[in-house]
N, C-alpha and C. Protein backbone atom coordinates (compact mmCIF):
# COMPACT_ATOMS: atom_id res chain seq x y z
N MET A 1 13.76 5.50 6.78
CA MET A 1 14.89 4.73 6.50
C MET A 1 15.82 4.40 7.64
N LYS A 2 15.74 5.44 8.72
CA LYS A 2 16.44 5.20 9.79
C LYS A 2 15.78 4.30 10.59
N TYR A 3 14.42 4.27 10.69
CA TYR A 3 13.56 3.26 11.30
C TYR A 3 13.98 1.90 10.97
N LEU A 4 13.94 1.61 9.64
CA LEU A 4 14.26 0.31 9.01
C LEU A 4 15.74 -0.27 9.30
N LEU A 5 16.69 0.66 9.41
CA LEU A 5 18.05 0.45 9.79
C LEU A 5 18.02 -0.05 11.26
N SER A 6 17.31 0.66 11.99
CA SER A 6 17.39 0.46 13.46
C SER A 6 16.76 -0.91 13.88
N ILE A 7 15.74 -1.37 13.03
CA ILE A 7 15.05 -2.72 13.30
C ILE A 7 16.14 -3.66 12.80
N VAL A 8 16.60 -3.52 11.70
CA VAL A 8 17.70 -4.63 11.27
C VAL A 8 18.86 -4.61 12.13
N ALA A 9 19.33 -3.49 12.70
CA ALA A 9 20.44 -3.70 13.66
C ALA A 9 20.05 -4.33 15.01
N ALA A 10 18.88 -4.13 15.39
CA ALA A 10 18.36 -4.78 16.69
C ALA A 10 18.04 -6.34 16.40
N LEU A 11 17.75 -6.66 15.24
CA LEU A 11 17.56 -8.16 14.96
C LEU A 11 18.82 -8.67 14.81
N ALA A 12 19.82 -7.93 14.35
CA ALA A 12 21.06 -8.81 14.13
C ALA A 12 21.77 -8.89 15.43
N LEU A 13 21.59 -8.06 16.39
CA LEU A 13 22.27 -8.03 17.75
C LEU A 13 21.42 -9.26 18.53
N ALA A 14 20.27 -9.32 18.28
CA ALA A 14 19.39 -10.40 19.09
C ALA A 14 19.81 -11.68 18.55
N ALA A 15 19.99 -11.71 17.33
CA ALA A 15 20.34 -13.25 16.71
C ALA A 15 21.77 -13.58 17.15
N THR A 16 22.74 -12.77 17.29
CA THR A 16 24.08 -13.09 17.72
C THR A 16 24.12 -13.46 19.31
N SER A 17 23.29 -12.67 19.98
CA SER A 17 23.42 -13.03 21.45
C SER A 17 22.54 -14.18 21.79
N ALA A 18 21.72 -14.65 21.10
CA ALA A 18 20.91 -15.82 21.09
C ALA A 18 21.73 -17.07 20.98
N GLN A 19 22.62 -17.09 20.24
CA GLN A 19 23.66 -18.18 19.95
C GLN A 19 24.88 -18.30 20.86
N ALA A 20 25.02 -17.29 21.71
CA ALA A 20 26.17 -17.29 22.62
C ALA A 20 25.89 -18.33 23.83
N GLY A 21 26.78 -19.16 24.14
CA GLY A 21 26.60 -20.15 25.13
C GLY A 21 26.94 -19.43 26.54
N CYS A 22 26.59 -20.01 27.72
CA CYS A 22 26.83 -19.44 29.00
C CYS A 22 28.33 -19.64 29.25
N GLY A 23 29.00 -20.56 28.84
CA GLY A 23 30.36 -20.99 29.09
C GLY A 23 30.70 -21.11 30.58
N LYS A 24 29.72 -21.53 31.33
CA LYS A 24 30.04 -22.08 32.87
C LYS A 24 30.74 -23.38 32.80
N LYS A 25 31.96 -23.40 33.16
CA LYS A 25 32.55 -24.63 33.25
C LYS A 25 32.78 -24.99 34.85
N VAL A 26 32.57 -26.17 35.19
CA VAL A 26 32.60 -26.65 36.63
C VAL A 26 33.71 -27.60 36.77
N ALA A 27 34.81 -27.29 37.69
CA ALA A 27 35.86 -28.09 37.91
C ALA A 27 35.55 -28.86 39.18
N SER A 28 35.67 -30.36 39.15
CA SER A 28 35.40 -31.20 40.27
C SER A 28 36.51 -32.01 40.59
N ILE A 29 36.75 -32.32 41.85
CA ILE A 29 38.02 -33.34 42.20
C ILE A 29 37.20 -34.29 43.14
N GLY A 30 37.71 -35.49 42.85
CA GLY A 30 37.16 -36.60 43.79
C GLY A 30 37.31 -37.92 43.23
N GLN A 31 36.73 -39.10 43.91
CA GLN A 31 37.02 -40.32 43.37
C GLN A 31 35.72 -40.78 42.46
N LEU A 32 36.24 -41.46 41.48
CA LEU A 32 35.27 -41.94 40.53
C LEU A 32 34.64 -43.17 41.14
N GLU A 33 33.30 -43.22 41.33
CA GLU A 33 32.68 -44.26 42.24
C GLU A 33 32.08 -45.27 41.21
N LYS A 34 31.50 -44.87 40.11
CA LYS A 34 31.18 -45.75 39.15
C LYS A 34 30.87 -45.32 37.76
N PHE A 35 30.86 -46.05 36.84
CA PHE A 35 30.77 -45.64 35.38
C PHE A 35 29.78 -46.76 34.84
N ASP A 36 28.52 -46.29 34.26
CA ASP A 36 27.56 -46.88 33.62
C ASP A 36 27.71 -46.84 32.22
N ALA A 37 28.29 -47.95 31.57
CA ALA A 37 28.47 -47.94 30.11
C ALA A 37 27.16 -47.81 29.21
N ALA A 38 26.06 -48.27 29.93
CA ALA A 38 24.80 -48.33 29.10
C ALA A 38 24.28 -46.82 28.86
N THR A 39 24.43 -45.95 30.02
CA THR A 39 23.88 -44.70 29.91
C THR A 39 24.96 -43.81 29.73
N LYS A 40 26.18 -44.10 29.76
CA LYS A 40 27.51 -43.17 29.74
C LYS A 40 27.52 -42.24 30.87
N SER A 41 26.96 -42.57 32.04
CA SER A 41 26.95 -41.70 33.17
C SER A 41 28.11 -42.08 34.18
N VAL A 42 28.59 -41.03 34.83
CA VAL A 42 29.67 -41.16 35.78
C VAL A 42 29.28 -40.58 37.07
N THR A 43 29.51 -41.35 38.11
CA THR A 43 29.17 -40.74 39.49
C THR A 43 30.50 -40.57 40.14
N ILE A 44 30.67 -39.35 40.85
CA ILE A 44 31.89 -39.07 41.33
C ILE A 44 31.57 -38.63 42.83
N LYS A 45 32.51 -39.19 43.90
CA LYS A 45 32.34 -38.63 45.23
C LYS A 45 33.24 -37.41 45.30
N VAL A 46 32.60 -36.27 45.42
CA VAL A 46 33.28 -34.88 45.26
C VAL A 46 34.10 -34.64 46.47
N VAL A 47 35.35 -34.18 46.35
CA VAL A 47 36.11 -33.64 47.58
C VAL A 47 36.06 -32.08 47.53
N ASP A 48 36.23 -31.67 46.35
CA ASP A 48 36.27 -30.13 45.96
C ASP A 48 35.75 -29.83 44.61
N SER A 49 35.08 -28.60 44.62
CA SER A 49 34.44 -28.33 43.30
C SER A 49 34.17 -26.91 43.39
N SER A 50 34.23 -26.39 42.01
CA SER A 50 33.80 -24.85 41.95
C SER A 50 32.32 -24.72 41.90
N ASP A 51 31.62 -25.81 42.10
CA ASP A 51 30.13 -25.65 42.09
C ASP A 51 29.61 -25.94 43.53
N PRO A 52 29.03 -24.93 44.06
CA PRO A 52 28.75 -25.20 45.69
C PRO A 52 27.72 -26.21 45.82
N LYS A 53 26.86 -26.55 44.89
CA LYS A 53 25.89 -27.59 44.89
C LYS A 53 26.49 -29.00 45.00
N GLN A 54 27.59 -29.25 44.30
CA GLN A 54 28.29 -30.45 44.34
C GLN A 54 29.07 -30.61 45.71
N VAL A 55 29.52 -29.57 46.15
CA VAL A 55 30.28 -29.53 47.45
C VAL A 55 29.33 -29.87 48.49
N LYS A 56 28.18 -29.40 48.57
CA LYS A 56 27.06 -29.65 49.54
C LYS A 56 26.70 -30.99 49.54
N THR A 57 26.21 -31.67 48.43
CA THR A 57 25.92 -32.98 48.26
C THR A 57 26.89 -34.08 48.20
N LYS A 58 28.20 -33.66 47.94
CA LYS A 58 29.18 -34.59 48.06
C LYS A 58 29.36 -35.51 46.86
N THR A 59 28.31 -35.38 46.01
CA THR A 59 28.33 -36.29 44.68
C THR A 59 27.96 -35.49 43.57
N ALA A 60 28.37 -36.22 42.36
CA ALA A 60 27.95 -35.52 41.06
C ALA A 60 27.85 -36.75 40.22
N LYS A 61 26.61 -36.68 39.47
CA LYS A 61 26.29 -37.60 38.35
C LYS A 61 26.42 -36.78 37.03
N LEU A 62 27.34 -37.10 36.32
CA LEU A 62 27.58 -36.51 35.03
C LEU A 62 27.63 -37.33 33.95
N THR A 63 27.41 -36.95 32.62
CA THR A 63 27.06 -37.82 31.45
C THR A 63 28.25 -37.58 30.35
N MET A 64 28.81 -38.74 29.97
CA MET A 64 29.78 -38.46 28.86
C MET A 64 29.13 -38.19 27.49
N THR A 65 29.90 -37.43 26.64
CA THR A 65 29.27 -37.23 25.46
C THR A 65 30.38 -37.69 24.33
N PRO A 66 30.15 -37.74 23.07
CA PRO A 66 31.02 -38.12 22.02
C PRO A 66 32.32 -37.18 22.00
N ASN A 67 32.01 -35.84 22.58
CA ASN A 67 33.25 -35.01 22.64
C ASN A 67 34.13 -35.09 23.84
N SER A 68 33.67 -35.88 24.81
CA SER A 68 34.32 -35.93 26.18
C SER A 68 35.77 -36.74 26.01
N ARG A 69 36.67 -36.11 26.52
CA ARG A 69 38.05 -36.70 26.52
C ARG A 69 38.44 -37.19 27.90
N VAL A 70 39.16 -38.28 27.85
CA VAL A 70 39.82 -38.90 29.20
C VAL A 70 41.29 -38.77 29.04
N ILE A 71 41.84 -38.13 29.86
CA ILE A 71 43.32 -38.00 29.89
C ILE A 71 43.90 -38.87 30.86
N ALA A 72 44.34 -40.14 30.60
CA ALA A 72 44.80 -41.12 31.40
C ALA A 72 45.34 -42.22 30.60
N LYS A 73 46.10 -43.09 31.21
CA LYS A 73 46.56 -44.23 30.58
C LYS A 73 45.44 -45.27 30.26
N ASP A 74 44.46 -45.36 31.36
CA ASP A 74 43.30 -46.17 31.21
C ASP A 74 42.17 -45.57 30.51
N LYS A 75 41.18 -46.33 30.14
CA LYS A 75 39.93 -45.84 29.63
C LYS A 75 39.17 -45.46 30.89
N ILE A 76 37.95 -44.93 30.66
CA ILE A 76 37.13 -44.50 31.69
C ILE A 76 36.76 -45.39 32.77
N ASP A 77 36.41 -46.77 32.27
CA ASP A 77 36.03 -47.76 33.17
C ASP A 77 37.18 -48.29 34.05
N GLY A 78 38.42 -48.07 33.63
CA GLY A 78 39.70 -48.41 34.40
C GLY A 78 39.89 -47.34 35.36
N LEU A 79 39.26 -46.27 35.51
CA LEU A 79 39.47 -45.16 36.51
C LEU A 79 38.53 -45.40 37.64
N VAL A 80 37.57 -46.37 37.63
CA VAL A 80 36.64 -46.44 38.72
C VAL A 80 37.54 -46.72 40.13
N GLY A 81 37.26 -45.98 41.07
CA GLY A 81 37.95 -46.17 42.42
C GLY A 81 39.28 -45.24 42.51
N LYS A 82 39.49 -44.54 41.51
CA LYS A 82 40.74 -43.86 41.53
C LYS A 82 40.39 -42.21 41.51
N LYS A 83 41.31 -41.49 41.88
CA LYS A 83 40.98 -39.98 42.19
C LYS A 83 41.15 -39.46 40.90
N VAL A 84 40.18 -38.38 40.30
CA VAL A 84 40.00 -37.82 39.14
C VAL A 84 39.68 -36.36 39.41
N SER A 85 40.00 -35.55 38.28
CA SER A 85 39.62 -34.36 38.21
C SER A 85 38.64 -34.24 36.90
N VAL A 86 37.55 -33.65 37.02
CA VAL A 86 36.41 -33.62 35.86
C VAL A 86 36.16 -32.09 35.67
N VAL A 87 36.13 -31.71 34.41
CA VAL A 87 35.68 -30.44 33.96
C VAL A 87 34.39 -30.78 33.05
N SER A 88 33.33 -30.04 33.56
CA SER A 88 32.12 -30.24 32.84
C SER A 88 31.16 -28.99 32.66
N GLU A 89 30.25 -29.11 31.98
CA GLU A 89 29.19 -27.93 31.62
C GLU A 89 27.93 -28.40 31.45
N HIS A 90 27.03 -28.01 32.47
CA HIS A 90 25.62 -28.36 32.33
C HIS A 90 25.53 -29.74 32.46
N GLY A 91 26.20 -30.62 33.33
CA GLY A 91 26.21 -32.03 33.49
C GLY A 91 26.83 -32.94 32.42
N LYS A 92 27.50 -32.32 31.43
CA LYS A 92 28.13 -33.02 30.35
C LYS A 92 29.65 -32.73 30.62
N ILE A 93 30.31 -34.04 30.34
CA ILE A 93 31.76 -34.01 30.80
C ILE A 93 32.57 -33.47 29.59
N ASP A 94 33.51 -32.49 29.81
CA ASP A 94 34.40 -32.10 28.70
C ASP A 94 35.71 -32.94 28.90
N TYR A 95 36.24 -33.03 29.99
CA TYR A 95 37.50 -33.80 30.33
C TYR A 95 37.37 -34.58 31.68
N VAL A 96 38.11 -35.74 31.56
CA VAL A 96 38.26 -36.56 32.80
C VAL A 96 39.67 -36.65 32.96
N ILE A 97 40.35 -36.26 33.97
CA ILE A 97 41.80 -36.28 34.12
C ILE A 97 42.16 -37.15 35.46
N ALA A 98 42.98 -38.28 35.07
CA ALA A 98 43.33 -39.12 36.13
C ALA A 98 44.53 -38.37 37.07
N LEU A 99 44.29 -38.41 38.31
CA LEU A 99 45.22 -37.66 39.33
C LEU A 99 46.20 -38.75 39.80
N ALA A 100 47.36 -38.41 40.02
CA ALA A 100 48.32 -39.18 40.68
C ALA A 100 48.01 -39.55 42.17
N SER A 101 48.26 -40.82 42.63
CA SER A 101 47.79 -41.07 43.96
C SER A 101 48.88 -40.91 44.84
N LYS A 102 48.88 -40.51 46.15
CA LYS A 102 49.94 -40.27 47.03
C LYS A 102 50.64 -41.44 47.34
């Protein structure tokens, strides 16, 4: 009986840990260079980022999803050429925030 209970407990723990996401969010600041409406992709010229790869390459190509939110007066295509902050996870955008210009 103890053997059976330990197997059930191990399977329960394995099932719950398999559904947990990594939760790694990347915050990037830069200028939105282009938005492709067909592929819903955004290219950003990165000034600062929490991801060292983006800082090194100085660009980030991210994808909009149905859950992506744009926090600005304009829509995403109206932010091209403006300074933005983007929060993403695994290349998928969570938020695009328009920043005030100096």
